[in-house]
Amino acid sequence: LQMRDTVAKHTGIPISIGIAKTKTL
């Protein structure tokens, strides 16, 4: 959430973040 809000605040670009145990997941 912190990353998403920081990027949006400083660049205006919306991002999505997926988190799991492996790269593929």
PDBML (XML) file of the C-alpha atoms, coordinates in Angstrom:
<?xml version="1.0" encoding="UTF-8" ?>
<PDBx:datablock datablockName="MODEL"
   xmlns:PDBx="http://pdbml.pdb.org/schema/pdbx-v50.xsd"
   xmlns:xsi="http://www.w3.org/2001/XMLSchema-instance"
   xsi:schemaLocation="http://pdbml.pdb.org/schema/pdbx-v50.xsd pdbx-v50.xsd">
   <PDBx:atom_siteCategory>
      <PDBx:atom_site id="1">
         <PDBx:B_iso_or_equiv>0.00</PDBx:B_iso_or_equiv>
         <PDBx:Cartn_x>0.000</PDBx:Cartn_x>
         <PDBx:Cartn_y>0.000</PDBx:Cartn_y>
         <PDBx:Cartn_z>0.000</PDBx:Cartn_z>
         <PDBx:auth_asym_id>A</PDBx:auth_asym_id>
         <PDBx:auth_atom_id>CA</PDBx:auth_atom_id>
         <PDBx:auth_comp_id>LEU</PDBx:auth_comp_id>
         <PDBx:auth_seq_id>1</PDBx:auth_seq_id>
         <PDBx:group_PDB>ATOM</PDBx:group_PDB>
         <PDBx:label_alt_id xsi:nil="true" />
         <PDBx:label_asym_id>A</PDBx:label_asym_id>
         <PDBx:label_atom_id>CA</PDBx:label_atom_id>
         <PDBx:label_comp_id>LEU</PDBx:label_comp_id>
         <PDBx:label_entity_id>1</PDBx:label_entity_id>
         <PDBx:label_seq_id>1</PDBx:label_seq_id>
         <PDBx:occupancy>1.00</PDBx:occupancy>
         <PDBx:pdbx_PDB_model_num>1</PDBx:pdbx_PDB_model_num>
         <PDBx:type_symbol>C</PDBx:type_symbol>
      </PDBx:atom_site>
      <PDBx:atom_site id="2">
         <PDBx:B_iso_or_equiv>0.00</PDBx:B_iso_or_equiv>
         <PDBx:Cartn_x>2.829</PDBx:Cartn_x>
         <PDBx:Cartn_y>2.388</PDBx:Cartn_y>
         <PDBx:Cartn_z>0.863</PDBx:Cartn_z>
         <PDBx:auth_asym_id>A</PDBx:auth_asym_id>
         <PDBx:auth_atom_id>CA</PDBx:auth_atom_id>
         <PDBx:auth_comp_id>GLN</PDBx:auth_comp_id>
         <PDBx:auth_seq_id>2</PDBx:auth_seq_id>
         <PDBx:group_PDB>ATOM</PDBx:group_PDB>
         <PDBx:label_alt_id xsi:nil="true" />
         <PDBx:label_asym_id>A</PDBx:label_asym_id>
         <PDBx:label_atom_id>CA</PDBx:label_atom_id>
         <PDBx:label_comp_id>GLN</PDBx:label_comp_id>
         <PDBx:label_entity_id>1</PDBx:label_entity_id>
         <PDBx:label_seq_id>2</PDBx:label_seq_id>
         <PDBx:occupancy>1.00</PDBx:occupancy>
         <PDBx:pdbx_PDB_model_num>1</PDBx:pdbx_PDB_model_num>
         <PDBx:type_symbol>C</PDBx:type_symbol>
      </PDBx:atom_site>
      <PDBx:atom_site id="3">
         <PDBx:B_iso_or_equiv>0.00</PDBx:B_iso_or_equiv>
         <PDBx:Cartn_x>4.499</PDBx:Cartn_x>
         <PDBx:Cartn_y>1.734</PDBx:Cartn_y>
         <PDBx:Cartn_z>-2.494</PDBx:Cartn_z>
         <PDBx:auth_asym_id>A</PDBx:auth_asym_id>
         <PDBx:auth_atom_id>CA</PDBx:auth_atom_id>
         <PDBx:auth_comp_id>MET</PDBx:auth_comp_id>
         <PDBx:auth_seq_id>3</PDBx:auth_seq_id>
         <PDBx:group_PDB>ATOM</PDBx:group_PDB>
         <PDBx:label_alt_id xsi:nil="true" />
         <PDBx:label_asym_id>A</PDBx:label_asym_id>
         <PDBx:label_atom_id>CA</PDBx:label_atom_id>
         <PDBx:label_comp_id>MET</PDBx:label_comp_id>
         <PDBx:label_entity_id>1</PDBx:label_entity_id>
         <PDBx:label_seq_id>3</PDBx:label_seq_id>
         <PDBx:occupancy>1.00</PDBx:occupancy>
         <PDBx:pdbx_PDB_model_num>1</PDBx:pdbx_PDB_model_num>
         <PDBx:type_symbol>C</PDBx:type_symbol>
      </PDBx:atom_site>
      <PDBx:atom_site id="4">
         <PDBx:B_iso_or_equiv>0.00</PDBx:B_iso_or_equiv>
         <PDBx:Cartn_x>1.277</PDBx:Cartn_x>
         <PDBx:Cartn_y>2.205</PDBx:Cartn_y>
         <PDBx:Cartn_z>-4.406</PDBx:Cartn_z>
         <PDBx:auth_asym_id>A</PDBx:auth_asym_id>
         <PDBx:auth_atom_id>CA</PDBx:auth_atom_id>
         <PDBx:auth_comp_id>ARG</PDBx:auth_comp_id>
         <PDBx:auth_seq_id>4</PDBx:auth_seq_id>
         <PDBx:group_PDB>ATOM</PDBx:group_PDB>
         <PDBx:label_alt_id xsi:nil="true" />
         <PDBx:label_asym_id>A</PDBx:label_asym_id>
         <PDBx:label_atom_id>CA</PDBx:label_atom_id>
         <PDBx:label_comp_id>ARG</PDBx:label_comp_id>
         <PDBx:label_entity_id>1</PDBx:label_entity_id>
         <PDBx:label_seq_id>4</PDBx:label_seq_id>
         <PDBx:occupancy>1.00</PDBx:occupancy>
         <PDBx:pdbx_PDB_model_num>1</PDBx:pdbx_PDB_model_num>
         <PDBx:type_symbol>C</PDBx:type_symbol>
      </PDBx:atom_site>
      <PDBx:atom_site id="5">
         <PDBx:B_iso_or_equiv>0.00</PDBx:B_iso_or_equiv>
         <PDBx:Cartn_x>0.440</PDBx:Cartn_x>
         <PDBx:Cartn_y>5.481</PDBx:Cartn_y>
         <PDBx:Cartn_z>-2.621</PDBx:Cartn_z>
         <PDBx:auth_asym_id>A</PDBx:auth_asym_id>
         <PDBx:auth_atom_id>CA</PDBx:auth_atom_id>
         <PDBx:auth_comp_id>ASP</PDBx:auth_comp_id>
         <PDBx:auth_seq_id>5</PDBx:auth_seq_id>
         <PDBx:group_PDB>ATOM</PDBx:group_PDB>
         <PDBx:label_alt_id xsi:nil="true" />
         <PDBx:label_asym_id>A</PDBx:label_asym_id>
         <PDBx:label_atom_id>CA</PDBx:label_atom_id>
         <PDBx:label_comp_id>ASP</PDBx:label_comp_id>
         <PDBx:label_entity_id>1</PDBx:label_entity_id>
         <PDBx:label_seq_id>5</PDBx:label_seq_id>
         <PDBx:occupancy>1.00</PDBx:occupancy>
         <PDBx:pdbx_PDB_model_num>1</PDBx:pdbx_PDB_model_num>
         <PDBx:type_symbol>C</PDBx:type_symbol>
      </PDBx:atom_site>
      <PDBx:atom_site id="6">
         <PDBx:B_iso_or_equiv>0.00</PDBx:B_iso_or_equiv>
         <PDBx:Cartn_x>4.000</PDBx:Cartn_x>
         <PDBx:Cartn_y>6.824</PDBx:Cartn_y>
         <PDBx:Cartn_z>-2.962</PDBx:Cartn_z>
         <PDBx:auth_asym_id>A</PDBx:auth_asym_id>
         <PDBx:auth_atom_id>CA</PDBx:auth_atom_id>
         <PDBx:auth_comp_id>THR</PDBx:auth_comp_id>
         <PDBx:auth_seq_id>6</PDBx:auth_seq_id>
         <PDBx:group_PDB>ATOM</PDBx:group_PDB>
         <PDBx:label_alt_id xsi:nil="true" />
         <PDBx:label_asym_id>A</PDBx:label_asym_id>
         <PDBx:label_atom_id>CA</PDBx:label_atom_id>
         <PDBx:label_comp_id>THR</PDBx:label_comp_id>
         <PDBx:label_entity_id>1</PDBx:label_entity_id>
         <PDBx:label_seq_id>6</PDBx:label_seq_id>
         <PDBx:occupancy>1.00</PDBx:occupancy>
         <PDBx:pdbx_PDB_model_num>1</PDBx:pdbx_PDB_model_num>
         <PDBx:type_symbol>C</PDBx:type_symbol>
      </PDBx:atom_site>
      <PDBx:atom_site id="7">
         <PDBx:B_iso_or_equiv>0.00</PDBx:B_iso_or_equiv>
         <PDBx:Cartn_x>4.183</PDBx:Cartn_x>
         <PDBx:Cartn_y>6.148</PDBx:Cartn_y>
         <PDBx:Cartn_z>-6.695</PDBx:Cartn_z>
         <PDBx:auth_asym_id>A</PDBx:auth_asym_id>
         <PDBx:auth_atom_id>CA</PDBx:auth_atom_id>
         <PDBx:auth_comp_id>VAL</PDBx:auth_comp_id>
         <PDBx:auth_seq_id>7</PDBx:auth_seq_id>
         <PDBx:group_PDB>ATOM</PDBx:group_PDB>
         <PDBx:label_alt_id xsi:nil="true" />
         <PDBx:label_asym_id>A</PDBx:label_asym_id>
         <PDBx:label_atom_id>CA</PDBx:label_atom_id>
         <PDBx:label_comp_id>VAL</PDBx:label_comp_id>
         <PDBx:label_entity_id>1</PDBx:label_entity_id>
         <PDBx:label_seq_id>7</PDBx:label_seq_id>
         <PDBx:occupancy>1.00</PDBx:occupancy>
         <PDBx:pdbx_PDB_model_num>1</PDBx:pdbx_PDB_model_num>
         <PDBx:type_symbol>C</PDBx:type_symbol>
      </PDBx:atom_site>
      <PDBx:atom_site id="8">
         <PDBx:B_iso_or_equiv>0.00</PDBx:B_iso_or_equiv>
         <PDBx:Cartn_x>0.729</PDBx:Cartn_x>
         <PDBx:Cartn_y>7.677</PDBx:Cartn_y>
         <PDBx:Cartn_z>-7.246</PDBx:Cartn_z>
         <PDBx:auth_asym_id>A</PDBx:auth_asym_id>
         <PDBx:auth_atom_id>CA</PDBx:auth_atom_id>
         <PDBx:auth_comp_id>ALA</PDBx:auth_comp_id>
         <PDBx:auth_seq_id>8</PDBx:auth_seq_id>
         <PDBx:group_PDB>ATOM</PDBx:group_PDB>
         <PDBx:label_alt_id xsi:nil="true" />
         <PDBx:label_asym_id>A</PDBx:label_asym_id>
         <PDBx:label_atom_id>CA</PDBx:label_atom_id>
         <PDBx:label_comp_id>ALA</PDBx:label_comp_id>
         <PDBx:label_entity_id>1</PDBx:label_entity_id>
         <PDBx:label_seq_id>8</PDBx:label_seq_id>
         <PDBx:occupancy>1.00</PDBx:occupancy>
         <PDBx:pdbx_PDB_model_num>1</PDBx:pdbx_PDB_model_num>
         <PDBx:type_symbol>C</PDBx:type_symbol>
      </PDBx:atom_site>
      <PDBx:atom_site id="9">
         <PDBx:B_iso_or_equiv>0.00</PDBx:B_iso_or_equiv>
         <PDBx:Cartn_x>1.618</PDBx:Cartn_x>
         <PDBx:Cartn_y>10.779</PDBx:Cartn_y>
         <PDBx:Cartn_z>-5.194</PDBx:Cartn_z>
         <PDBx:auth_asym_id>A</PDBx:auth_asym_id>
         <PDBx:auth_atom_id>CA</PDBx:auth_atom_id>
         <PDBx:auth_comp_id>LYS</PDBx:auth_comp_id>
         <PDBx:auth_seq_id>9</PDBx:auth_seq_id>
         <PDBx:group_PDB>ATOM</PDBx:group_PDB>
         <PDBx:label_alt_id xsi:nil="true" />
         <PDBx:label_asym_id>A</PDBx:label_asym_id>
         <PDBx:label_atom_id>CA</PDBx:label_atom_id>
         <PDBx:label_comp_id>LYS</PDBx:label_comp_id>
         <PDBx:label_entity_id>1</PDBx:label_entity_id>
         <PDBx:label_seq_id>9</PDBx:label_seq_id>
         <PDBx:occupancy>1.00</PDBx:occupancy>
         <PDBx:pdbx_PDB_model_num>1</PDBx:pdbx_PDB_model_num>
         <PDBx:type_symbol>C</PDBx:type_symbol>
      </PDBx:atom_site>
      <PDBx:atom_site id="10">
         <PDBx:B_iso_or_equiv>0.00</PDBx:B_iso_or_equiv>
         <PDBx:Cartn_x>4.973</PDBx:Cartn_x>
         <PDBx:Cartn_y>11.476</PDBx:Cartn_y>
         <PDBx:Cartn_z>-6.852</PDBx:Cartn_z>
         <PDBx:auth_asym_id>A</PDBx:auth_asym_id>
         <PDBx:auth_atom_id>CA</PDBx:auth_atom_id>
         <PDBx:auth_comp_id>HIS</PDBx:auth_comp_id>
         <PDBx:auth_seq_id>10</PDBx:auth_seq_id>
         <PDBx:group_PDB>ATOM</PDBx:group_PDB>
         <PDBx:label_alt_id xsi:nil="true" />
         <PDBx:label_asym_id>A</PDBx:label_asym_id>
         <PDBx:label_atom_id>CA</PDBx:label_atom_id>
         <PDBx:label_comp_id>HIS</PDBx:label_comp_id>
         <PDBx:label_entity_id>1</PDBx:label_entity_id>
         <PDBx:label_seq_id>10</PDBx:label_seq_id>
         <PDBx:occupancy>1.00</PDBx:occupancy>
         <PDBx:pdbx_PDB_model_num>1</PDBx:pdbx_PDB_model_num>
         <PDBx:type_symbol>C</PDBx:type_symbol>
      </PDBx:atom_site>
      <PDBx:atom_site id="11">
         <PDBx:B_iso_or_equiv>0.00</PDBx:B_iso_or_equiv>
         <PDBx:Cartn_x>4.284</PDBx:Cartn_x>
         <PDBx:Cartn_y>10.406</PDBx:Cartn_y>
         <PDBx:Cartn_z>-10.450</PDBx:Cartn_z>
         <PDBx:auth_asym_id>A</PDBx:auth_asym_id>
         <PDBx:auth_atom_id>CA</PDBx:auth_atom_id>
         <PDBx:auth_comp_id>THR</PDBx:auth_comp_id>
         <PDBx:auth_seq_id>11</PDBx:auth_seq_id>
         <PDBx:group_PDB>ATOM</PDBx:group_PDB>
         <PDBx:label_alt_id xsi:nil="true" />
         <PDBx:label_asym_id>A</PDBx:label_asym_id>
         <PDBx:label_atom_id>CA</PDBx:label_atom_id>
         <PDBx:label_comp_id>THR</PDBx:label_comp_id>
         <PDBx:label_entity_id>1</PDBx:label_entity_id>
         <PDBx:label_seq_id>11</PDBx:label_seq_id>
         <PDBx:occupancy>1.00</PDBx:occupancy>
         <PDBx:pdbx_PDB_model_num>1</PDBx:pdbx_PDB_model_num>
         <PDBx:type_symbol>C</PDBx:type_symbol>
      </PDBx:atom_site>
      <PDBx:atom_site id="12">
         <PDBx:B_iso_or_equiv>0.00</PDBx:B_iso_or_equiv>
         <PDBx:Cartn_x>0.515</PDBx:Cartn_x>
         <PDBx:Cartn_y>10.147</PDBx:Cartn_y>
         <PDBx:Cartn_z>-10.896</PDBx:Cartn_z>
         <PDBx:auth_asym_id>A</PDBx:auth_asym_id>
         <PDBx:auth_atom_id>CA</PDBx:auth_atom_id>
         <PDBx:auth_comp_id>GLY</PDBx:auth_comp_id>
         <PDBx:auth_seq_id>12</PDBx:auth_seq_id>
         <PDBx:group_PDB>ATOM</PDBx:group_PDB>
         <PDBx:label_alt_id xsi:nil="true" />
         <PDBx:label_asym_id>A</PDBx:label_asym_id>
         <PDBx:label_atom_id>CA</PDBx:label_atom_id>
         <PDBx:label_comp_id>GLY</PDBx:label_comp_id>
         <PDBx:label_entity_id>1</PDBx:label_entity_id>
         <PDBx:label_seq_id>12</PDBx:label_seq_id>
         <PDBx:occupancy>1.00</PDBx:occupancy>
         <PDBx:pdbx_PDB_model_num>1</PDBx:pdbx_PDB_model_num>
         <PDBx:type_symbol>C</PDBx:type_symbol>
      </PDBx:atom_site>
      <PDBx:atom_site id="13">
         <PDBx:B_iso_or_equiv>0.00</PDBx:B_iso_or_equiv>
         <PDBx:Cartn_x>0.895</PDBx:Cartn_x>
         <PDBx:Cartn_y>6.608</PDBx:Cartn_y>
         <PDBx:Cartn_z>-12.268</PDBx:Cartn_z>
         <PDBx:auth_asym_id>A</PDBx:auth_asym_id>
         <PDBx:auth_atom_id>CA</PDBx:auth_atom_id>
         <PDBx:auth_comp_id>ILE</PDBx:auth_comp_id>
         <PDBx:auth_seq_id>13</PDBx:auth_seq_id>
         <PDBx:group_PDB>ATOM</PDBx:group_PDB>
         <PDBx:label_alt_id xsi:nil="true" />
         <PDBx:label_asym_id>A</PDBx:label_asym_id>
         <PDBx:label_atom_id>CA</PDBx:label_atom_id>
         <PDBx:label_comp_id>ILE</PDBx:label_comp_id>
         <PDBx:label_entity_id>1</PDBx:label_entity_id>
         <PDBx:label_seq_id>13</PDBx:label_seq_id>
         <PDBx:occupancy>1.00</PDBx:occupancy>
         <PDBx:pdbx_PDB_model_num>1</PDBx:pdbx_PDB_model_num>
         <PDBx:type_symbol>C</PDBx:type_symbol>
      </PDBx:atom_site>
      <PDBx:atom_site id="14">
         <PDBx:B_iso_or_equiv>0.00</PDBx:B_iso_or_equiv>
         <PDBx:Cartn_x>-1.460</PDBx:Cartn_x>
         <PDBx:Cartn_y>3.977</PDBx:Cartn_y>
         <PDBx:Cartn_z>-10.751</PDBx:Cartn_z>
         <PDBx:auth_asym_id>A</PDBx:auth_asym_id>
         <PDBx:auth_atom_id>CA</PDBx:auth_atom_id>
         <PDBx:auth_comp_id>PRO</PDBx:auth_comp_id>
         <PDBx:auth_seq_id>14</PDBx:auth_seq_id>
         <PDBx:group_PDB>ATOM</PDBx:group_PDB>
         <PDBx:label_alt_id xsi:nil="true" />
         <PDBx:label_asym_id>A</PDBx:label_asym_id>
         <PDBx:label_atom_id>CA</PDBx:label_atom_id>
         <PDBx:label_comp_id>PRO</PDBx:label_comp_id>
         <PDBx:label_entity_id>1</PDBx:label_entity_id>
         <PDBx:label_seq_id>14</PDBx:label_seq_id>
         <PDBx:occupancy>1.00</PDBx:occupancy>
         <PDBx:pdbx_PDB_model_num>1</PDBx:pdbx_PDB_model_num>
         <PDBx:type_symbol>C</PDBx:type_symbol>
      </PDBx:atom_site>
      <PDBx:atom_site id="15">
         <PDBx:B_iso_or_equiv>0.00</PDBx:B_iso_or_equiv>
         <PDBx:Cartn_x>0.183</PDBx:Cartn_x>
         <PDBx:Cartn_y>0.626</PDBx:Cartn_y>
         <PDBx:Cartn_z>-10.012</PDBx:Cartn_z>
         <PDBx:auth_asym_id>A</PDBx:auth_asym_id>
         <PDBx:auth_atom_id>CA</PDBx:auth_atom_id>
         <PDBx:auth_comp_id>ILE</PDBx:auth_comp_id>
         <PDBx:auth_seq_id>15</PDBx:auth_seq_id>
         <PDBx:group_PDB>ATOM</PDBx:group_PDB>
         <PDBx:label_alt_id xsi:nil="true" />
         <PDBx:label_asym_id>A</PDBx:label_asym_id>
         <PDBx:label_atom_id>CA</PDBx:label_atom_id>
         <PDBx:label_comp_id>ILE</PDBx:label_comp_id>
         <PDBx:label_entity_id>1</PDBx:label_entity_id>
         <PDBx:label_seq_id>15</PDBx:label_seq_id>
         <PDBx:occupancy>1.00</PDBx:occupancy>
         <PDBx:pdbx_PDB_model_num>1</PDBx:pdbx_PDB_model_num>
         <PDBx:type_symbol>C</PDBx:type_symbol>
      </PDBx:atom_site>
      <PDBx:atom_site id="16">
         <PDBx:B_iso_or_equiv>0.00</PDBx:B_iso_or_equiv>
         <PDBx:Cartn_x>-1.033</PDBx:Cartn_x>
         <PDBx:Cartn_y>-2.771</PDBx:Cartn_y>
         <PDBx:Cartn_z>-8.839</PDBx:Cartn_z>
         <PDBx:auth_asym_id>A</PDBx:auth_asym_id>
         <PDBx:auth_atom_id>CA</PDBx:auth_atom_id>
         <PDBx:auth_comp_id>SER</PDBx:auth_comp_id>
         <PDBx:auth_seq_id>16</PDBx:auth_seq_id>
         <PDBx:group_PDB>ATOM</PDBx:group_PDB>
         <PDBx:label_alt_id xsi:nil="true" />
         <PDBx:label_asym_id>A</PDBx:label_asym_id>
         <PDBx:label_atom_id>CA</PDBx:label_atom_id>
         <PDBx:label_comp_id>SER</PDBx:label_comp_id>
         <PDBx:label_entity_id>1</PDBx:label_entity_id>
         <PDBx:label_seq_id>16</PDBx:label_seq_id>
         <PDBx:occupancy>1.00</PDBx:occupancy>
         <PDBx:pdbx_PDB_model_num>1</PDBx:pdbx_PDB_model_num>
         <PDBx:type_symbol>C</PDBx:type_symbol>
      </PDBx:atom_site>
      <PDBx:atom_site id="17">
         <PDBx:B_iso_or_equiv>0.00</PDBx:B_iso_or_equiv>
         <PDBx:Cartn_x>1.040</PDBx:Cartn_x>
         <PDBx:Cartn_y>-5.024</PDBx:Cartn_y>
         <PDBx:Cartn_z>-6.583</PDBx:Cartn_z>
         <PDBx:auth_asym_id>A</PDBx:auth_asym_id>
         <PDBx:auth_atom_id>CA</PDBx:auth_atom_id>
         <PDBx:auth_comp_id>ILE</PDBx:auth_comp_id>
         <PDBx:auth_seq_id>17</PDBx:auth_seq_id>
         <PDBx:group_PDB>ATOM</PDBx:group_PDB>
         <PDBx:label_alt_id xsi:nil="true" />
         <PDBx:label_asym_id>A</PDBx:label_asym_id>
         <PDBx:label_atom_id>CA</PDBx:label_atom_id>
         <PDBx:label_comp_id>ILE</PDBx:label_comp_id>
         <PDBx:label_entity_id>1</PDBx:label_entity_id>
         <PDBx:label_seq_id>17</PDBx:label_seq_id>
         <PDBx:occupancy>1.00</PDBx:occupancy>
         <PDBx:pdbx_PDB_model_num>1</PDBx:pdbx_PDB_model_num>
         <PDBx:type_symbol>C</PDBx:type_symbol>
      </PDBx:atom_site>
      <PDBx:atom_site id="18">
         <PDBx:B_iso_or_equiv>0.00</PDBx:B_iso_or_equiv>
         <PDBx:Cartn_x>0.737</PDBx:Cartn_x>
         <PDBx:Cartn_y>-8.801</PDBx:Cartn_y>
         <PDBx:Cartn_z>-6.317</PDBx:Cartn_z>
         <PDBx:auth_asym_id>A</PDBx:auth_asym_id>
         <PDBx:auth_atom_id>CA</PDBx:auth_atom_id>
         <PDBx:auth_comp_id>GLY</PDBx:auth_comp_id>
         <PDBx:auth_seq_id>18</PDBx:auth_seq_id>
         <PDBx:group_PDB>ATOM</PDBx:group_PDB>
         <PDBx:label_alt_id xsi:nil="true" />
         <PDBx:label_asym_id>A</PDBx:label_asym_id>
         <PDBx:label_atom_id>CA</PDBx:label_atom_id>
         <PDBx:label_comp_id>GLY</PDBx:label_comp_id>
         <PDBx:label_entity_id>1</PDBx:label_entity_id>
         <PDBx:label_seq_id>18</PDBx:label_seq_id>
         <PDBx:occupancy>1.00</PDBx:occupancy>
         <PDBx:pdbx_PDB_model_num>1</PDBx:pdbx_PDB_model_num>
         <PDBx:type_symbol>C</PDBx:type_symbol>
      </PDBx:atom_site>
      <PDBx:atom_site id="19">
         <PDBx:B_iso_or_equiv>0.00</PDBx:B_iso_or_equiv>
         <PDBx:Cartn_x>2.523</PDBx:Cartn_x>
         <PDBx:Cartn_y>-10.573</PDBx:Cartn_y>
         <PDBx:Cartn_z>-3.476</PDBx:Cartn_z>
         <PDBx:auth_asym_id>A</PDBx:auth_asym_id>
         <PDBx:auth_atom_id>CA</PDBx:auth_atom_id>
         <PDBx:auth_comp_id>ILE</PDBx:auth_comp_id>
         <PDBx:auth_seq_id>19</PDBx:auth_seq_id>
         <PDBx:group_PDB>ATOM</PDBx:group_PDB>
         <PDBx:label_alt_id xsi:nil="true" />
         <PDBx:label_asym_id>A</PDBx:label_asym_id>
         <PDBx:label_atom_id>CA</PDBx:label_atom_id>
         <PDBx:label_comp_id>ILE</PDBx:label_comp_id>
         <PDBx:label_entity_id>1</PDBx:label_entity_id>
         <PDBx:label_seq_id>19</PDBx:label_seq_id>
         <PDBx:occupancy>1.00</PDBx:occupancy>
         <PDBx:pdbx_PDB_model_num>1</PDBx:pdbx_PDB_model_num>
         <PDBx:type_symbol>C</PDBx:type_symbol>
      </PDBx:atom_site>
      <PDBx:atom_site id="20">
         <PDBx:B_iso_or_equiv>0.00</PDBx:B_iso_or_equiv>
         <PDBx:Cartn_x>3.154</PDBx:Cartn_x>
         <PDBx:Cartn_y>-14.323</PDBx:Cartn_y>
         <PDBx:Cartn_z>-3.189</PDBx:Cartn_z>
         <PDBx:auth_asym_id>A</PDBx:auth_asym_id>
         <PDBx:auth_atom_id>CA</PDBx:auth_atom_id>
         <PDBx:auth_comp_id>ALA</PDBx:auth_comp_id>
         <PDBx:auth_seq_id>20</PDBx:auth_seq_id>
         <PDBx:group_PDB>ATOM</PDBx:group_PDB>
         <PDBx:label_alt_id xsi:nil="true" />
         <PDBx:label_asym_id>A</PDBx:label_asym_id>
         <PDBx:label_atom_id>CA</PDBx:label_atom_id>
         <PDBx:label_comp_id>ALA</PDBx:label_comp_id>
         <PDBx:label_entity_id>1</PDBx:label_entity_id>
         <PDBx:label_seq_id>20</PDBx:label_seq_id>
         <PDBx:occupancy>1.00</PDBx:occupancy>
         <PDBx:pdbx_PDB_model_num>1</PDBx:pdbx_PDB_model_num>
         <PDBx:type_symbol>C</PDBx:type_symbol>
      </PDBx:atom_site>
      <PDBx:atom_site id="21">
         <PDBx:B_iso_or_equiv>0.00</PDBx:B_iso_or_equiv>
         <PDBx:Cartn_x>5.818</PDBx:Cartn_x>
         <PDBx:Cartn_y>-16.931</PDBx:Cartn_y>
         <PDBx:Cartn_z>-2.401</PDBx:Cartn_z>
         <PDBx:auth_asym_id>A</PDBx:auth_asym_id>
         <PDBx:auth_atom_id>CA</PDBx:auth_atom_id>
         <PDBx:auth_comp_id>LYS</PDBx:auth_comp_id>
         <PDBx:auth_seq_id>21</PDBx:auth_seq_id>
         <PDBx:group_PDB>ATOM</PDBx:group_PDB>
         <PDBx:label_alt_id xsi:nil="true" />
         <PDBx:label_asym_id>A</PDBx:label_asym_id>
         <PDBx:label_atom_id>CA</PDBx:label_atom_id>
         <PDBx:label_comp_id>LYS</PDBx:label_comp_id>
         <PDBx:label_entity_id>1</PDBx:label_entity_id>
         <PDBx:label_seq_id>21</PDBx:label_seq_id>
         <PDBx:occupancy>1.00</PDBx:occupancy>
         <PDBx:pdbx_PDB_model_num>1</PDBx:pdbx_PDB_model_num>
         <PDBx:type_symbol>C</PDBx:type_symbol>
      </PDBx:atom_site>
      <PDBx:atom_site id="22">
         <PDBx:B_iso_or_equiv>0.00</PDBx:B_iso_or_equiv>
         <PDBx:Cartn_x>7.223</PDBx:Cartn_x>
         <PDBx:Cartn_y>-17.123</PDBx:Cartn_y>
         <PDBx:Cartn_z>-5.938</PDBx:Cartn_z>
         <PDBx:auth_asym_id>A</PDBx:auth_asym_id>
         <PDBx:auth_atom_id>CA</PDBx:auth_atom_id>
         <PDBx:auth_comp_id>THR</PDBx:auth_comp_id>
         <PDBx:auth_seq_id>22</PDBx:auth_seq_id>
         <PDBx:group_PDB>ATOM</PDBx:group_PDB>
         <PDBx:label_alt_id xsi:nil="true" />
         <PDBx:label_asym_id>A</PDBx:label_asym_id>
         <PDBx:label_atom_id>CA</PDBx:label_atom_id>
         <PDBx:label_comp_id>THR</PDBx:label_comp_id>
         <PDBx:label_entity_id>1</PDBx:label_entity_id>
         <PDBx:label_seq_id>22</PDBx:label_seq_id>
         <PDBx:occupancy>1.00</PDBx:occupancy>
         <PDBx:pdbx_PDB_model_num>1</PDBx:pdbx_PDB_model_num>
         <PDBx:type_symbol>C</PDBx:type_symbol>
      </PDBx:atom_site>
      <PDBx:atom_site id="23">
         <PDBx:B_iso_or_equiv>0.00</PDBx:B_iso_or_equiv>
         <PDBx:Cartn_x>7.571</PDBx:Cartn_x>
         <PDBx:Cartn_y>-14.958</PDBx:Cartn_y>
         <PDBx:Cartn_z>-9.037</PDBx:Cartn_z>
         <PDBx:auth_asym_id>A</PDBx:auth_asym_id>
         <PDBx:auth_atom_id>CA</PDBx:auth_atom_id>
         <PDBx:auth_comp_id>LYS</PDBx:auth_comp_id>
         <PDBx:auth_seq_id>23</PDBx:auth_seq_id>
         <PDBx:group_PDB>ATOM</PDBx:group_PDB>
         <PDBx:label_alt_id xsi:nil="true" />
         <PDBx:label_asym_id>A</PDBx:label_asym_id>
         <PDBx:label_atom_id>CA</PDBx:label_atom_id>
         <PDBx:label_comp_id>LYS</PDBx:label_comp_id>
         <PDBx:label_entity_id>1</PDBx:label_entity_id>
         <PDBx:label_seq_id>23</PDBx:label_seq_id>
         <PDBx:occupancy>1.00</PDBx:occupancy>
         <PDBx:pdbx_PDB_model_num>1</PDBx:pdbx_PDB_model_num>
         <PDBx:type_symbol>C</PDBx:type_symbol>
      </PDBx:atom_site>
      <PDBx:atom_site id="24">
         <PDBx:B_iso_or_equiv>0.00</PDBx:B_iso_or_equiv>
         <PDBx:Cartn_x>5.006</PDBx:Cartn_x>
         <PDBx:Cartn_y>-16.986</PDBx:Cartn_y>
         <PDBx:Cartn_z>-10.970</PDBx:Cartn_z>
         <PDBx:auth_asym_id>A</PDBx:auth_asym_id>
         <PDBx:auth_atom_id>CA</PDBx:auth_atom_id>
         <PDBx:auth_comp_id>THR</PDBx:auth_comp_id>
         <PDBx:auth_seq_id>24</PDBx:auth_seq_id>
         <PDBx:group_PDB>ATOM</PDBx:group_PDB>
         <PDBx:label_alt_id xsi:nil="true" />
         <PDBx:label_asym_id>A</PDBx:label_asym_id>
         <PDBx:label_atom_id>CA</PDBx:label_atom_id>
         <PDBx:label_comp_id>THR</PDBx:label_comp_id>
         <PDBx:label_entity_id>1</PDBx:label_entity_id>
         <PDBx:label_seq_id>24</PDBx:label_seq_id>
         <PDBx:occupancy>1.00</PDBx:occupancy>
         <PDBx:pdbx_PDB_model_num>1</PDBx:pdbx_PDB_model_num>
         <PDBx:type_symbol>C</PDBx:type_symbol>
      </PDBx:atom_site>
      <PDBx:atom_site id="25">
         <PDBx:B_iso_or_equiv>0.00</PDBx:B_iso_or_equiv>
         <PDBx:Cartn_x>2.448</PDBx:Cartn_x>
         <PDBx:Cartn_y>-16.782</PDBx:Cartn_y>
         <PDBx:Cartn_z>-8.165</PDBx:Cartn_z>
         <PDBx:auth_asym_id>A</PDBx:auth_asym_id>
         <PDBx:auth_atom_id>CA</PDBx:auth_atom_id>
         <PDBx:auth_comp_id>LEU</PDBx:auth_comp_id>
         <PDBx:auth_seq_id>25</PDBx:auth_seq_id>
         <PDBx:group_PDB>ATOM</PDBx:group_PDB>
         <PDBx:label_alt_id xsi:nil="true" />
         <PDBx:label_asym_id>A</PDBx:label_asym_id>
         <PDBx:label_atom_id>CA</PDBx:label_atom_id>
         <PDBx:label_comp_id>LEU</PDBx:label_comp_id>
         <PDBx:label_entity_id>1</PDBx:label_entity_id>
         <PDBx:label_seq_id>25</PDBx:label_seq_id>
         <PDBx:occupancy>1.00</PDBx:occupancy>
         <PDBx:pdbx_PDB_model_num>1</PDBx:pdbx_PDB_model_num>
         <PDBx:type_symbol>C</PDBx:type_symbol>
      </PDBx:atom_site>
   </PDBx:atom_siteCategory>
</PDBx:datablock>
